[in-house]
Amino acid sequence: MGAILAIISFILATILFPLGLALTFFINLYKRRWRFSFKRLDQQLLSIATSVDASGNVICKDLFNLILINKAGYQFGNRKETISSVLGKNQRDGTLTILGNEVCDLLDLLDTDHCFNSIDSLV
């Protein structure tokens, strides 16, 4: 049953996500005009990014567990946790691979101490 639901959710997401995102931009940019709020749109986009991030943590768990952390590291795959939170826990514990450290360094360039500050930021 899980395989069928996953396939259906992928198909629906492929169709509906772009439509929903386009409608969000349309409503905020054209309908609201003078009442448009960049803060409101930014908050909605941050929610979208966090949801995609948590999904990526589940979808790519085997890949990330293989290439970003060593065997003793805190594992990826919790559907209520972001990739950055898992990276932060492994950064703190010293269980990142070379590539894992490079990913954290890149994220930290964009947002100072991003991975460490994301620890326990559950979705």
PDB file of N, CA and C in Angstrom:
ATOM      1  N   MET A   1       0.818  -1.201   0.000  1.00  0.00           N
ATOM      2  CA  MET A   1       0.000   0.000   0.000  1.00  0.00           C
ATOM      3  C   MET A   1       0.861   1.264   0.000  1.00  0.00           C
ATOM      4  N   GLY A   2       1.998   1.224   0.708  1.00  0.00           N
ATOM      5  CA  GLY A   2       2.887   2.379   0.758  1.00  0.00           C
ATOM      6  C   GLY A   2       3.408   2.766  -0.613  1.00  0.00           C
ATOM      7  N   ALA A   3       3.708   1.752  -1.454  1.00  0.00           N
ATOM      8  CA  ALA A   3       4.221   2.031  -2.802  1.00  0.00           C
ATOM      9  C   ALA A   3       3.165   2.729  -3.647  1.00  0.00           C
ATOM     10  N   ILE A   4       1.932   2.278  -3.548  1.00  0.00           N
ATOM     11  CA  ILE A   4       0.844   2.887  -4.329  1.00  0.00           C
ATOM     12  C   ILE A   4       0.617   4.328  -3.887  1.00  0.00           C
ATOM     13  N   LEU A   5       0.581   4.554  -2.578  1.00  0.00           N
ATOM     14  CA  LEU A   5       0.388   5.908  -2.066  1.00  0.00           C
ATOM     15  C   LEU A   5       1.554   6.817  -2.451  1.00  0.00           C
ATOM     16  N   ALA A   6       2.769   6.292  -2.442  1.00  0.00           N
ATOM     17  CA  ALA A   6       3.932   7.094  -2.830  1.00  0.00           C
ATOM     18  C   ALA A   6       3.841   7.505  -4.295  1.00  0.00           C
ATOM     19  N   ILE A   7       3.467   6.572  -5.157  1.00  0.00           N
ATOM     20  CA  ILE A   7       3.336   6.881  -6.586  1.00  0.00           C
ATOM     21  C   ILE A   7       2.260   7.932  -6.819  1.00  0.00           C
ATOM     22  N   ILE A   8       1.126   7.764  -6.163  1.00  0.00           N
ATOM     23  CA  ILE A   8       0.025   8.727  -6.311  1.00  0.00           C
ATOM     24  C   ILE A   8       0.463  10.103  -5.796  1.00  0.00           C
ATOM     25  N   SER A   9       1.157  10.131  -4.657  1.00  0.00           N
ATOM     26  CA  SER A   9       1.590  11.423  -4.111  1.00  0.00           C
ATOM     27  C   SER A   9       2.614  12.097  -5.018  1.00  0.00           C
ATOM     28  N   PHE A  10       3.506  11.338  -5.640  1.00  0.00           N
ATOM     29  CA  PHE A  10       4.474  11.917  -6.585  1.00  0.00           C
ATOM     30  C   PHE A  10       3.776  12.511  -7.793  1.00  0.00           C
ATOM     31  N   ILE A  11       2.803  11.789  -8.318  1.00  0.00           N
ATOM     32  CA  ILE A  11       2.056  12.280  -9.490  1.00  0.00           C
ATOM     33  C   ILE A  11       1.302  13.561  -9.136  1.00  0.00           C
ATOM     34  N   LEU A  12       0.590  13.541  -8.015  1.00  0.00           N
ATOM     35  CA  LEU A  12      -0.168  14.726  -7.602  1.00  0.00           C
ATOM     36  C   LEU A  12       0.756  15.908  -7.305  1.00  0.00           C
ATOM     37  N   ALA A  13       1.883  15.650  -6.666  1.00  0.00           N
ATOM     38  CA  ALA A  13       2.826  16.725  -6.363  1.00  0.00           C
ATOM     39  C   ALA A  13       3.384  17.333  -7.642  1.00  0.00           C
ATOM     40  N   THR A  14       3.670  16.501  -8.616  1.00  0.00           N
ATOM     41  CA  THR A  14       4.211  16.991  -9.895  1.00  0.00           C
ATOM     42  C   THR A  14       3.222  17.925 -10.587  1.00  0.00           C
ATOM     43  N   ILE A  15       1.954  17.630 -10.451  1.00  0.00           N
ATOM     44  CA  ILE A  15       0.917  18.451 -11.093  1.00  0.00           C
ATOM     45  C   ILE A  15       0.540  19.654 -10.238  1.00  0.00           C
ATOM     46  N   LEU A  16       0.294  19.424  -8.965  1.00  0.00           N
ATOM     47  CA  LEU A  16      -0.291  20.458  -8.114  1.00  0.00           C
ATOM     48  C   LEU A  16       0.713  21.455  -7.528  1.00  0.00           C
ATOM     49  N   PHE A  17       1.931  21.035  -7.214  1.00  0.00           N
ATOM     50  CA  PHE A  17       2.886  21.950  -6.590  1.00  0.00           C
ATOM     51  C   PHE A  17       3.196  23.160  -7.468  1.00  0.00           C
ATOM     52  N   PRO A  18       3.514  22.967  -8.753  1.00  0.00           N
ATOM     53  CA  PRO A  18       3.770  24.148  -9.585  1.00  0.00           C
ATOM     54  C   PRO A  18       2.537  25.049  -9.713  1.00  0.00           C
ATOM     55  N   LEU A  19       1.366  24.439  -9.804  1.00  0.00           N
ATOM     56  CA  LEU A  19       0.122  25.208  -9.897  1.00  0.00           C
ATOM     57  C   LEU A  19      -0.113  26.007  -8.619  1.00  0.00           C
ATOM     58  N   GLY A  20       0.059  25.371  -7.487  1.00  0.00           N
ATOM     59  CA  GLY A  20      -0.128  26.052  -6.201  1.00  0.00           C
ATOM     60  C   GLY A  20       0.868  27.177  -5.987  1.00  0.00           C
ATOM     61  N   LEU A  21       2.116  26.963  -6.371  1.00  0.00           N
ATOM     62  CA  LEU A  21       3.137  27.992  -6.231  1.00  0.00           C
ATOM     63  C   LEU A  21       2.853  29.174  -7.152  1.00  0.00           C
ATOM     64  N   ALA A  22       2.450  28.890  -8.381  1.00  0.00           N
ATOM     65  CA  ALA A  22       2.114  29.964  -9.323  1.00  0.00           C
ATOM     66  C   ALA A  22       0.937  30.784  -8.805  1.00  0.00           C
ATOM     67  N   LEU A  23      -0.068  30.116  -8.252  1.00  0.00           N
ATOM     68  CA  LEU A  23      -1.229  30.820  -7.714  1.00  0.00           C
ATOM     69  C   LEU A  23      -0.840  31.692  -6.520  1.00  0.00           C
ATOM     70  N   THR A  24       0.058  31.192  -5.679  1.00  0.00           N
ATOM     71  CA  THR A  24       0.551  31.976  -4.542  1.00  0.00           C
ATOM     72  C   THR A  24       1.202  33.269  -5.024  1.00  0.00           C
ATOM     73  N   PHE A  25       2.066  33.170  -6.033  1.00  0.00           N
ATOM     74  CA  PHE A  25       2.705  34.373  -6.579  1.00  0.00           C
ATOM     75  C   PHE A  25       1.670  35.305  -7.201  1.00  0.00           C
ATOM     76  N   PHE A  26       0.729  34.751  -7.931  1.00  0.00           N
ATOM     77  CA  PHE A  26      -0.297  35.573  -8.576  1.00  0.00           C
ATOM     78  C   PHE A  26      -1.108  36.342  -7.546  1.00  0.00           C
ATOM     79  N   ILE A  27      -1.577  35.651  -6.523  1.00  0.00           N
ATOM     80  CA  ILE A  27      -2.395  36.297  -5.490  1.00  0.00           C
ATOM     81  C   ILE A  27      -1.607  37.397  -4.785  1.00  0.00           C
ATOM     82  N   ASN A  28      -0.348  37.101  -4.441  1.00  0.00           N
ATOM     83  CA  ASN A  28       0.455  38.089  -3.711  1.00  0.00           C
ATOM     84  C   ASN A  28       0.909  39.250  -4.574  1.00  0.00           C
ATOM     85  N   LEU A  29       1.181  39.005  -5.845  1.00  0.00           N
ATOM     86  CA  LEU A  29       1.709  40.065  -6.698  1.00  0.00           C
ATOM     87  C   LEU A  29       0.629  40.891  -7.385  1.00  0.00           C
ATOM     88  N   TYR A  30      -0.462  40.276  -7.772  1.00  0.00           N
ATOM     89  CA  TYR A  30      -1.458  40.985  -8.564  1.00  0.00           C
ATOM     90  C   TYR A  30      -2.750  41.299  -7.825  1.00  0.00           C
ATOM     91  N   LYS A  31      -3.237  40.390  -7.049  1.00  0.00           N
ATOM     92  CA  LYS A  31      -4.503  40.600  -6.357  1.00  0.00           C
ATOM     93  C   LYS A  31      -4.382  41.588  -5.205  1.00  0.00           C
ATOM     94  N   ARG A  32      -3.295  41.501  -4.460  1.00  0.00           N
ATOM     95  CA  ARG A  32      -3.148  42.331  -3.266  1.00  0.00           C
ATOM     96  C   ARG A  32      -2.627  43.722  -3.592  1.00  0.00           C
ATOM     97  N   ARG A  33      -1.921  43.858  -4.652  1.00  0.00           N
ATOM     98  CA  ARG A  33      -1.336  45.114  -5.124  1.00  0.00           C
ATOM     99  C   ARG A  33      -0.720  45.907  -3.986  1.00  0.00           C
ATOM    100  N   TRP A  34      -1.375  46.969  -3.521  1.00  0.00           N
ATOM    101  CA  TRP A  34      -0.779  47.837  -2.504  1.00  0.00           C
ATOM    102  C   TRP A  34      -0.707  47.166  -1.145  1.00  0.00           C
ATOM    103  N   ARG A  35      -1.536  46.170  -0.958  1.00  0.00           N
ATOM    104  CA  ARG A  35      -1.505  45.458   0.317  1.00  0.00           C
ATOM    105  C   ARG A  35      -0.504  44.304   0.300  1.00  0.00           C
ATOM    106  N   PHE A  36       0.231  44.174  -0.813  1.00  0.00           N
ATOM    107  CA  PHE A  36       1.205  43.086  -0.943  1.00  0.00           C
ATOM    108  C   PHE A  36       2.246  43.160   0.169  1.00  0.00           C
ATOM    109  N   SER A  37       2.548  42.050   0.736  1.00  0.00           N
ATOM    110  CA  SER A  37       3.532  42.022   1.810  1.00  0.00           C
ATOM    111  C   SER A  37       4.639  41.023   1.454  1.00  0.00           C
ATOM    112  N   PHE A  38       5.857  41.546   1.294  1.00  0.00           N
ATOM    113  CA  PHE A  38       6.987  40.661   1.034  1.00  0.00           C
ATOM    114  C   PHE A  38       7.227  39.735   2.225  1.00  0.00           C
ATOM    115  N   LYS A  39       6.948  40.231   3.420  1.00  0.00           N
ATOM    116  CA  LYS A  39       7.145  39.415   4.612  1.00  0.00           C
ATOM    117  C   LYS A  39       6.228  38.192   4.585  1.00  0.00           C
ATOM    118  N   ARG A  40       4.975  38.378   4.203  1.00  0.00           N
ATOM    119  CA  ARG A  40       4.021  37.266   4.128  1.00  0.00           C
ATOM    120  C   ARG A  40       4.469  36.240   3.102  1.00  0.00           C
ATOM    121  N   LEU A  41       4.868  36.709   1.935  1.00  0.00           N
ATOM    122  CA  LEU A  41       5.333  35.807   0.888  1.00  0.00           C
ATOM    123  C   LEU A  41       6.603  35.090   1.322  1.00  0.00           C
ATOM    124  N   ASP A  42       7.526  35.808   1.975  1.00  0.00           N
ATOM    125  CA  ASP A  42       8.763  35.206   2.442  1.00  0.00           C
ATOM    126  C   ASP A  42       8.488  34.117   3.473  1.00  0.00           C
ATOM    127  N   GLN A  43       7.532  34.341   4.360  1.00  0.00           N
ATOM    128  CA  GLN A  43       7.180  33.338   5.361  1.00  0.00           C
ATOM    129  C   GLN A  43       6.595  32.093   4.699  1.00  0.00           C
ATOM    130  N   GLN A  44       5.773  32.287   3.685  1.00  0.00           N
ATOM    131  CA  GLN A  44       5.189  31.146   2.988  1.00  0.00           C
ATOM    132  C   GLN A  44       6.269  30.365   2.235  1.00  0.00           C
ATOM    133  N   LEU A  45       7.201  31.076   1.603  1.00  0.00           N
ATOM    134  CA  LEU A  45       8.285  30.401   0.889  1.00  0.00           C
ATOM    135  C   LEU A  45       9.207  29.658   1.854  1.00  0.00           C
ATOM    136  N   LEU A  46       9.421  30.212   3.056  1.00  0.00           N
ATOM    137  CA  LEU A  46      10.213  29.508   4.057  1.00  0.00           C
ATOM    138  C   LEU A  46       9.511  28.222   4.504  1.00  0.00           C
ATOM    139  N   SER A  47       8.197  28.266   4.652  1.00  0.00           N
ATOM    140  CA  SER A  47       7.435  27.056   4.997  1.00  0.00           C
ATOM    141  C   SER A  47       7.555  26.003   3.904  1.00  0.00           C
ATOM    142  N   ILE A  48       7.503  26.448   2.652  1.00  0.00           N
ATOM    143  CA  ILE A  48       7.646  25.522   1.527  1.00  0.00           C
ATOM    144  C   ILE A  48       9.038  24.898   1.551  1.00  0.00           C
ATOM    145  N   ALA A  49      10.058  25.729   1.738  1.00  0.00           N
ATOM    146  CA  ALA A  49      11.439  25.226   1.763  1.00  0.00           C
ATOM    147  C   ALA A  49      11.632  24.205   2.884  1.00  0.00           C
ATOM    148  N   THR A  50      11.061  24.467   4.051  1.00  0.00           N
ATOM    149  CA  THR A  50      11.191  23.550   5.187  1.00  0.00           C
ATOM    150  C   THR A  50      10.500  22.225   4.896  1.00  0.00           C
ATOM    151  N   SER A  51       9.337  22.270   4.257  1.00  0.00           N
ATOM    152  CA  SER A  51       8.623  21.040   3.904  1.00  0.00           C
ATOM    153  C   SER A  51       9.398  20.216   2.886  1.00  0.00           C
ATOM    154  N   VAL A  52       9.943  20.884   1.877  1.00  0.00           N
ATOM    155  CA  VAL A  52      10.748  20.193   0.873  1.00  0.00           C
ATOM    156  C   VAL A  52      11.992  19.594   1.533  1.00  0.00           C
ATOM    157  N   ASP A  53      12.602  20.344   2.439  1.00  0.00           N
ATOM    158  CA  ASP A  53      13.788  19.891   3.161  1.00  0.00           C
ATOM    159  C   ASP A  53      13.488  18.612   3.945  1.00  0.00           C
ATOM    160  N   ALA A  54      12.380  18.601   4.682  1.00  0.00           N
ATOM    161  CA  ALA A  54      12.010  17.421   5.472  1.00  0.00           C
ATOM    162  C   ALA A  54      11.722  16.227   4.557  1.00  0.00           C
ATOM    163  N   SER A  55      11.092  16.488   3.421  1.00  0.00           N
ATOM    164  CA  SER A  55      10.842  15.411   2.458  1.00  0.00           C
ATOM    165  C   SER A  55      12.153  14.862   1.912  1.00  0.00           C
ATOM    166  N   GLY A  56      13.085  15.753   1.615  1.00  0.00           N
ATOM    167  CA  GLY A  56      14.396  15.324   1.142  1.00  0.00           C
ATOM    168  C   GLY A  56      15.129  14.481   2.168  1.00  0.00           C
ATOM    169  N   ASN A  57      14.947  14.787   3.435  1.00  0.00           N
ATOM    170  CA  ASN A  57      15.556  14.005   4.505  1.00  0.00           C
ATOM    171  C   ASN A  57      15.072  12.558   4.468  1.00  0.00           C
ATOM    172  N   VAL A  58      13.811  12.360   4.130  1.00  0.00           N
ATOM    173  CA  VAL A  58      13.244  11.011   4.052  1.00  0.00           C
ATOM    174  C   VAL A  58      13.612  10.340   2.728  1.00  0.00           C
ATOM    175  N   ILE A  59      13.409  11.059   1.634  1.00  0.00           N
ATOM    176  CA  ILE A  59      13.629  10.481   0.307  1.00  0.00           C
ATOM    177  C   ILE A  59      15.090  10.088   0.089  1.00  0.00           C
ATOM    178  N   CYS A  60      16.001  10.907   0.575  1.00  0.00           N
ATOM    179  CA  CYS A  60      17.437  10.685   0.327  1.00  0.00           C
ATOM    180  C   CYS A  60      18.172  10.096   1.522  1.00  0.00           C
ATOM    181  N   LYS A  61      17.445   9.516   2.475  1.00  0.00           N
ATOM    182  CA  LYS A  61      18.087   9.057   3.710  1.00  0.00           C
ATOM    183  C   LYS A  61      19.215   8.070   3.458  1.00  0.00           C
ATOM    184  N   ASP A  62      19.027   7.090   2.600  1.00  0.00           N
ATOM    185  CA  ASP A  62      20.086   6.106   2.363  1.00  0.00           C
ATOM    186  C   ASP A  62      21.305   6.751   1.705  1.00  0.00           C
ATOM    187  N   LEU A  63      21.066   7.616   0.740  1.00  0.00           N
ATOM    188  CA  LEU A  63      22.155   8.335   0.081  1.00  0.00           C
ATOM    189  C   LEU A  63      22.919   9.199   1.078  1.00  0.00           C
ATOM    190  N   PHE A  64      22.191  10.005   1.868  1.00  0.00           N
ATOM    191  CA  PHE A  64      22.837  10.896   2.827  1.00  0.00           C
ATOM    192  C   PHE A  64      23.563  10.121   3.929  1.00  0.00           C
ATOM    193  N   ASN A  65      22.959   9.018   4.407  1.00  0.00           N
ATOM    194  CA  ASN A  65      23.619   8.200   5.428  1.00  0.00           C
ATOM    195  C   ASN A  65      24.919   7.613   4.891  1.00  0.00           C
ATOM    196  N   LEU A  66      24.963   7.345   3.606  1.00  0.00           N
ATOM    197  CA  LEU A  66      26.142   6.757   2.984  1.00  0.00           C
ATOM    198  C   LEU A  66      27.254   7.773   2.738  1.00  0.00           C
ATOM    199  N   ILE A  67      26.898   8.977   2.285  1.00  0.00           N
ATOM    200  CA  ILE A  67      27.943   9.911   1.841  1.00  0.00           C
ATOM    201  C   ILE A  67      28.211  11.097   2.778  1.00  0.00           C
ATOM    202  N   LEU A  68      27.314  11.396   3.698  1.00  0.00           N
ATOM    203  CA  LEU A  68      27.487  12.596   4.521  1.00  0.00           C
ATOM    204  C   LEU A  68      27.903  12.319   5.961  1.00  0.00           C
ATOM    205  N   ILE A  69      27.665  11.097   6.436  1.00  0.00           N
ATOM    206  CA  ILE A  69      28.004  10.773   7.830  1.00  0.00           C
ATOM    207  C   ILE A  69      28.738   9.437   7.891  1.00  0.00           C
ATOM    208  N   ASN A  70      29.484   9.228   8.982  1.00  0.00           N
ATOM    209  CA  ASN A  70      30.090   7.915   9.162  1.00  0.00           C
ATOM    210  C   ASN A  70      29.091   6.996   9.864  1.00  0.00           C
ATOM    211  N   LYS A  71      29.439   5.738  10.010  1.00  0.00           N
ATOM    212  CA  LYS A  71      28.488   4.739  10.517  1.00  0.00           C
ATOM    213  C   LYS A  71      27.983   5.022  11.930  1.00  0.00           C
ATOM    214  N   ALA A  72      28.770   5.726  12.720  1.00  0.00           N
ATOM    215  CA  ALA A  72      28.372   6.027  14.096  1.00  0.00           C
ATOM    216  C   ALA A  72      27.505   7.282  14.181  1.00  0.00           C
ATOM    217  N   GLY A  73      27.266   7.949  13.050  1.00  0.00           N
ATOM    218  CA  GLY A  73      26.562   9.220  13.057  1.00  0.00           C
ATOM    219  C   GLY A  73      25.063   9.107  13.282  1.00  0.00           C
ATOM    220  N   TYR A  74      24.486  10.230  13.642  1.00  0.00           N
ATOM    221  CA  TYR A  74      23.035  10.349  13.788  1.00  0.00           C
ATOM    222  C   TYR A  74      22.435  10.219  12.390  1.00  0.00           C
ATOM    223  N   GLN A  75      21.463   9.338  12.234  1.00  0.00           N
ATOM    224  CA  GLN A  75      20.931   8.945  10.933  1.00  0.00           C
ATOM    225  C   GLN A  75      19.902   9.923  10.348  1.00  0.00           C
ATOM    226  N   PHE A  76      19.922  10.036   9.044  1.00  0.00           N
ATOM    227  CA  PHE A  76      18.899  10.767   8.301  1.00  0.00           C
ATOM    228  C   PHE A  76      17.641   9.905   8.208  1.00  0.00           C
ATOM    229  N   GLY A  77      16.496  10.525   7.882  1.00  0.00           N
ATOM    230  CA  GLY A  77      15.286   9.770   7.605  1.00  0.00           C
ATOM    231  C   GLY A  77      14.075  10.103   8.451  1.00  0.00           C
ATOM    232  N   ASN A  78      14.242  10.880   9.510  1.00  0.00           N
ATOM    233  CA  ASN A  78      13.093  11.256  10.340  1.00  0.00           C
ATOM    234  C   ASN A  78      12.240  12.269   9.577  1.00  0.00           C
ATOM    235  N   ARG A  79      10.984  11.955   9.332  1.00  0.00           N
ATOM    236  CA  ARG A  79      10.121  12.812   8.513  1.00  0.00           C
ATOM    237  C   ARG A  79       9.772  14.141   9.171  1.00  0.00           C
ATOM    238  N   LYS A  80      10.075  14.289  10.438  1.00  0.00           N
ATOM    239  CA  LYS A  80       9.778  15.542  11.139  1.00  0.00           C
ATOM    240  C   LYS A  80      11.039  16.359  11.407  1.00  0.00           C
ATOM    241  N   GLU A  81      12.104  16.055  10.666  1.00  0.00           N
ATOM    242  CA  GLU A  81      13.365  16.736  10.897  1.00  0.00           C
ATOM    243  C   GLU A  81      13.954  17.199   9.564  1.00  0.00           C
ATOM    244  N   THR A  82      14.616  18.343   9.587  1.00  0.00           N
ATOM    245  CA  THR A  82      15.243  18.854   8.370  1.00  0.00           C
ATOM    246  C   THR A  82      16.631  18.251   8.174  1.00  0.00           C
ATOM    247  N   ILE A  83      17.102  18.323   6.945  1.00  0.00           N
ATOM    248  CA  ILE A  83      18.449  17.859   6.624  1.00  0.00           C
ATOM    249  C   ILE A  83      19.466  18.638   7.447  1.00  0.00           C
ATOM    250  N   SER A  84      19.259  19.945   7.567  1.00  0.00           N
ATOM    251  CA  SER A  84      20.191  20.788   8.318  1.00  0.00           C
ATOM    252  C   SER A  84      20.277  20.388   9.782  1.00  0.00           C
ATOM    253  N   SER A  85      19.174  19.972  10.372  1.00  0.00           N
ATOM    254  CA  SER A  85      19.178  19.534  11.760  1.00  0.00           C
ATOM    255  C   SER A  85      20.035  18.279  11.924  1.00  0.00           C
ATOM    256  N   VAL A  86      19.885  17.337  11.010  1.00  0.00           N
ATOM    257  CA  VAL A  86      20.690  16.109  11.068  1.00  0.00           C
ATOM    258  C   VAL A  86      22.166  16.436  10.849  1.00  0.00           C
ATOM    259  N   LEU A  87      22.439  17.303   9.874  1.00  0.00           N
ATOM    260  CA  LEU A  87      23.824  17.717   9.647  1.00  0.00           C
ATOM    261  C   LEU A  87      24.395  18.395  10.891  1.00  0.00           C
ATOM    262  N   GLY A  88      23.593  19.246  11.528  1.00  0.00           N
ATOM    263  CA  GLY A  88      24.049  19.947  12.735  1.00  0.00           C
ATOM    264  C   GLY A  88      24.381  18.994  13.868  1.00  0.00           C
ATOM    265  N   LYS A  89      23.560  17.965  14.066  1.00  0.00           N
ATOM    266  CA  LYS A  89      23.822  16.980  15.123  1.00  0.00           C
ATOM    267  C   LYS A  89      25.114  16.228  14.836  1.00  0.00           C
ATOM    268  N   ASN A  90      25.327  15.884  13.563  1.00  0.00           N
ATOM    269  CA  ASN A  90      26.556  15.180  13.205  1.00  0.00           C
ATOM    270  C   ASN A  90      27.769  16.100  13.240  1.00  0.00           C
ATOM    271  N   GLN A  91      27.567  17.373  12.932  1.00  0.00           N
ATOM    272  CA  GLN A  91      28.645  18.358  13.037  1.00  0.00           C
ATOM    273  C   GLN A  91      29.068  18.484  14.503  1.00  0.00           C
ATOM    274  N   ARG A  92      28.096  18.601  15.369  1.00  0.00           N
ATOM    275  CA  ARG A  92      28.344  18.699  16.814  1.00  0.00           C
ATOM    276  C   ARG A  92      29.076  17.469  17.344  1.00  0.00           C
ATOM    277  N   ASP A  93      28.674  16.281  16.844  1.00  0.00           N
ATOM    278  CA  ASP A  93      29.234  15.019  17.335  1.00  0.00           C
ATOM    279  C   ASP A  93      30.513  14.605  16.609  1.00  0.00           C
ATOM    280  N   GLY A  94      30.904  15.350  15.577  1.00  0.00           N
ATOM    281  CA  GLY A  94      32.120  15.024  14.832  1.00  0.00           C
ATOM    282  C   GLY A  94      31.985  13.766  13.990  1.00  0.00           C
ATOM    283  N   THR A  95      30.779  13.487  13.480  1.00  0.00           N
ATOM    284  CA  THR A  95      30.548  12.260  12.714  1.00  0.00           C
ATOM    285  C   THR A  95      30.253  12.523  11.236  1.00  0.00           C
ATOM    286  N   LEU A  96      30.580  13.715  10.756  1.00  0.00           N
ATOM    287  CA  LEU A  96      30.397  14.019   9.334  1.00  0.00           C
ATOM    288  C   LEU A  96      31.575  13.495   8.522  1.00  0.00           C
ATOM    289  N   THR A  97      31.305  13.106   7.282  1.00  0.00           N
ATOM    290  CA  THR A  97      32.373  12.766   6.351  1.00  0.00           C
ATOM    291  C   THR A  97      32.957  14.076   5.818  1.00  0.00           C
ATOM    292  N   ILE A  98      33.975  13.963   4.987  1.00  0.00           N
ATOM    293  CA  ILE A  98      34.557  15.164   4.372  1.00  0.00           C
ATOM    294  C   ILE A  98      33.486  15.908   3.581  1.00  0.00           C
ATOM    295  N   LEU A  99      32.693  15.169   2.794  1.00  0.00           N
ATOM    296  CA  LEU A  99      31.627  15.803   2.015  1.00  0.00           C
ATOM    297  C   LEU A  99      30.580  16.433   2.930  1.00  0.00           C
ATOM    298  N   GLY A 100      30.237  15.762   4.024  1.00  0.00           N
ATOM    299  CA  GLY A 100      29.285  16.313   4.984  1.00  0.00           C
ATOM    300  C   GLY A 100      29.766  17.628   5.569  1.00  0.00           C
ATOM    301  N   ASN A 101      31.051  17.692   5.895  1.00  0.00           N
ATOM    302  CA  ASN A 101      31.626  18.945   6.394  1.00  0.00           C
ATOM    303  C   ASN A 101      31.587  20.039   5.343  1.00  0.00           C
ATOM    304  N   GLU A 102      31.834  19.676   4.094  1.00  0.00           N
ATOM    305  CA  GLU A 102      31.783  20.662   3.013  1.00  0.00           C
ATOM    306  C   GLU A 102      30.366  21.205   2.813  1.00  0.00           C
ATOM    307  N   VAL A 103      29.364  20.331   2.922  1.00  0.00           N
ATOM    308  CA  VAL A 103      27.972  20.778   2.809  1.00  0.00           C
ATOM    309  C   VAL A 103      27.642  21.748   3.942  1.00  0.00           C
ATOM    310  N   CYS A 104      28.055  21.410   5.161  1.00  0.00           N
ATOM    311  CA  CYS A 104      27.827  22.316   6.303  1.00  0.00           C
ATOM    312  C   CYS A 104      28.539  23.643   6.095  1.00  0.00           C
ATOM    313  N   ASP A 105      29.764  23.592   5.606  1.00  0.00           N
ATOM    314  CA  ASP A 105      30.511  24.830   5.364  1.00  0.00           C
ATOM    315  C   ASP A 105      29.796  25.710   4.341  1.00  0.00           C
ATOM    316  N   LEU A 106      29.267  25.089   3.300  1.00  0.00           N
ATOM    317  CA  LEU A 106      28.530  25.844   2.284  1.00  0.00           C
ATOM    318  C   LEU A 106      27.281  26.491   2.876  1.00  0.00           C
ATOM    319  N   LEU A 107      26.523  25.724   3.648  1.00  0.00           N
ATOM    320  CA  LEU A 107      25.317  26.271   4.283  1.00  0.00           C
ATOM    321  C   LEU A 107      25.677  27.376   5.277  1.00  0.00           C
ATOM    322  N   ASP A 108      26.790  27.207   5.973  1.00  0.00           N
ATOM    323  CA  ASP A 108      27.229  28.222   6.936  1.00  0.00           C
ATOM    324  C   ASP A 108      27.674  29.514   6.248  1.00  0.00           C
ATOM    325  N   LEU A 109      28.124  29.413   5.002  1.00  0.00           N
ATOM    326  CA  LEU A 109      28.450  30.620   4.240  1.00  0.00           C
ATOM    327  C   LEU A 109      27.189  31.433   3.936  1.00  0.00           C
ATOM    328  N   LEU A 110      26.097  30.722   3.674  1.00  0.00           N
ATOM    329  CA  LEU A 110      24.830  31.375   3.356  1.00  0.00           C
ATOM    330  C   LEU A 110      24.141  31.926   4.601  1.00  0.00           C
ATOM    331  N   ASP A 111      24.302  31.220   5.715  1.00  0.00           N
ATOM    332  CA  ASP A 111      23.634  31.571   6.965  1.00  0.00           C
ATOM    333  C   ASP A 111      24.554  31.122   8.094  1.00  0.00           C
ATOM    334  N   THR A 112      25.172  32.050   8.804  1.00  0.00           N
ATOM    335  CA  THR A 112      26.175  31.739   9.825  1.00  0.00           C
ATOM    336  C   THR A 112      25.670  30.675  10.813  1.00  0.00           C
ATOM    337  N   ASP A 113      26.467  29.636  10.997  1.00  0.00           N
ATOM    338  CA  ASP A 113      26.156  28.518  11.911  1.00  0.00           C
ATOM    339  C   ASP A 113      24.813  27.876  11.600  1.00  0.00           C
ATOM    340  N   HIS A 114      24.464  27.790  10.329  1.00  0.00           N
ATOM    341  CA  HIS A 114      23.150  27.288   9.914  1.00  0.00           C
ATOM    342  C   HIS A 114      22.858  25.888  10.459  1.00  0.00           C
ATOM    343  N   CYS A 115      23.767  24.962  10.224  1.00  0.00           N
ATOM    344  CA  CYS A 115      23.511  23.579  10.638  1.00  0.00           C
ATOM    345  C   CYS A 115      23.410  23.461  12.159  1.00  0.00           C
ATOM    346  N   PHE A 116      24.349  24.060  12.865  1.00  0.00           N
ATOM    347  CA  PHE A 116      24.330  24.000  14.321  1.00  0.00           C
ATOM    348  C   PHE A 116      23.060  24.634  14.885  1.00  0.00           C
ATOM    349  N   ASN A 117      22.660  25.774  14.319  1.00  0.00           N
ATOM    350  CA  ASN A 117      21.448  26.455  14.794  1.00  0.00           C
ATOM    351  C   ASN A 117      20.170  25.731  14.401  1.00  0.00           C
ATOM    352  N   SER A 118      20.258  24.785  13.454  1.00  0.00           N
ATOM    353  CA  SER A 118      19.078  24.049  13.009  1.00  0.00           C
ATOM    354  C   SER A 118      18.819  22.797  13.848  1.00  0.00           C
ATOM    355  N   ILE A 119      19.704  22.472  14.749  1.00  0.00           N
ATOM    356  CA  ILE A 119      19.512  21.282  15.571  1.00  0.00           C
ATOM    357  C   ILE A 119      18.170  21.361  16.285  1.00  0.00           C
ATOM    358  N   ASP A 120      17.423  20.258  16.183  1.00  0.00           N
ATOM    359  CA  ASP A 120      16.106  20.112  16.808  1.00  0.00           C
ATOM    360  C   ASP A 120      15.053  21.060  16.262  1.00  0.00           C
ATOM    361  N   SER A 121      15.263  21.585  15.074  1.00  0.00           N
ATOM    362  CA  SER A 121      14.200  22.386  14.455  1.00  0.00           C
ATOM    363  C   SER A 121      13.278  21.431  13.722  1.00  0.00           C
ATOM    364  N   LEU A 122      12.349  20.879  14.481  1.00  0.00           N
ATOM    365  CA  LEU A 122      11.432  19.892  13.913  1.00  0.00           C
ATOM    366  C   LEU A 122      10.390  20.567  13.040  1.00  0.00           C
ATOM    367  N   VAL A 123       9.922  19.831  12.058  1.00  0.00           N
ATOM    368  CA  VAL A 123       8.927  20.351  11.119  1.00  0.00           C
ATOM    369  C   VAL A 123       7.546  20.150  11.708  1.00  0.00           C
TER     370      VAL A 123
END
